[in-house]
Amino acid sequence: ASEGLLVDLGHCGVFDDGLPVDADNMLKLIKAAGVEVESFWPGMFAKALASANIGELCMKISSGAPAPAAAGAAAPAAGGAAPAAAA
């Protein structure tokens, strides 16, 4: 799994445990899982999630709700590759 995904799911674990969703708690959970991530990931996610409704985000992740597409990103056609970027 990618480091970003690990940290993303880690914030839900910290939230579910009733702990503050901060970089230290996310890093403790990730280390307890026996994985390593670059040190900037937990802090970056903690900052980004500081004003978010963590409970709602975790419910969306666990329900498999689709994430919004990035602005300007083209989704690949069914069975095909994404269109090449114009030079």
Protein backbone atom coordinates (compact mmCIF):
# COMPACT_ATOMS: atom_id res chain seq x y z
CA ALA A 1 0.00 0.00 0.00
CA SER A 2 1.15 3.54 -0.59
CA GLU A 3 2.36 5.62 2.33
CA GLY A 4 -0.38 8.20 1.76
CA LEU A 5 -3.06 5.52 1.96
CA LEU A 6 -1.57 4.11 5.15
CA VAL A 7 -1.66 7.52 6.81
CA ASP A 8 -5.13 8.22 5.43
CA LEU A 9 -6.49 5.02 6.95
CA GLY A 10 -4.40 5.64 10.08
CA HIS A 11 -6.32 8.82 10.89
CA CYS A 12 -9.51 6.74 11.04
CA GLY A 13 -7.88 4.31 13.45
CA VAL A 14 -6.75 7.14 15.71
CA PHE A 15 -10.21 8.72 15.56
CA ASP A 16 -11.91 5.38 16.32
CA ASP A 17 -9.70 5.01 19.40
CA GLY A 18 -11.00 8.36 20.67
CA LEU A 19 -7.58 10.01 20.46
CA PRO A 20 -6.76 13.41 18.99
CA VAL A 21 -5.98 13.08 15.29
CA ASP A 22 -2.48 14.51 15.32
CA ALA A 23 0.83 13.55 13.76
CA ASP A 24 2.15 11.84 16.91
CA ASN A 25 -0.89 9.59 17.36
CA MET A 26 -1.00 8.67 13.68
CA LEU A 27 2.71 7.81 13.72
CA LYS A 28 2.27 5.66 16.85
CA LEU A 29 -0.53 3.70 15.18
CA ILE A 30 1.45 3.25 11.97
CA LYS A 31 4.52 2.05 13.88
CA ALA A 32 2.35 -0.33 15.95
CA ALA A 33 1.13 -1.81 12.65
CA GLY A 34 4.75 -2.60 11.82
CA VAL A 35 5.09 -0.30 8.84
CA GLU A 36 7.19 2.76 8.16
CA VAL A 37 6.29 5.95 6.34
CA GLU A 38 8.23 9.09 5.54
CA SER A 39 8.12 11.41 8.55
CA PHE A 40 6.27 14.21 6.73
CA TRP A 41 3.10 12.17 5.98
CA PRO A 42 1.46 12.17 9.45
CA GLY A 43 2.03 15.90 9.95
CA MET A 44 0.76 16.74 6.48
CA PHE A 45 -2.43 14.74 7.02
CA ALA A 46 -2.94 16.13 10.54
CA LYS A 47 -2.74 19.69 9.18
CA ALA A 48 -5.05 18.93 6.29
CA LEU A 49 -7.61 17.27 8.58
CA ALA A 50 -7.47 19.86 11.39
CA SER A 51 -10.81 21.41 10.43
CA ALA A 52 -12.40 18.33 8.83
CA ASN A 53 -15.23 16.19 10.17
CA ILE A 54 -13.12 13.08 10.76
CA GLY A 55 -16.11 10.86 11.54
CA GLU A 56 -17.74 11.71 8.22
CA LEU A 57 -14.50 11.14 6.29
CA CYS A 58 -13.95 7.75 7.91
CA MET A 59 -17.52 6.71 7.10
CA LYS A 60 -16.97 7.63 3.44
CA ILE A 61 -13.73 5.64 3.31
CA SER A 62 -15.29 2.58 4.93
CA SER A 63 -18.44 2.74 2.80
CA GLY A 64 -16.47 2.81 -0.44
CA ALA A 65 -17.97 6.13 -1.49
CA PRO A 66 -16.20 7.47 -4.57
CA ALA A 67 -13.71 10.24 -4.01
CA PRO A 68 -14.11 13.41 -6.06
CA ALA A 69 -11.88 13.58 -9.14
CA ALA A 70 -8.99 16.01 -9.10
CA ALA A 71 -9.69 19.24 -10.95
CA GLY A 72 -8.67 18.98 -14.57
CA ALA A 73 -7.96 15.26 -14.41
CA ALA A 74 -9.41 13.12 -17.15
CA ALA A 75 -10.61 9.67 -16.17
CA PRO A 76 -9.55 6.84 -18.45
CA ALA A 77 -12.21 5.38 -20.70
CA ALA A 78 -13.44 1.92 -19.80
CA GLY A 79 -10.70 -0.50 -20.75
CA GLY A 80 -8.44 2.23 -22.06
CA ALA A 81 -5.63 4.42 -20.88
CA ALA A 82 -5.94 8.04 -19.83
CA PRO A 83 -5.49 10.53 -22.68
CA ALA A 84 -1.97 11.88 -23.14
CA ALA A 85 -1.35 15.41 -21.91
CA ALA A 86 -0.92 18.07 -24.54
CA ALA A 87 2.64 19.36 -24.82
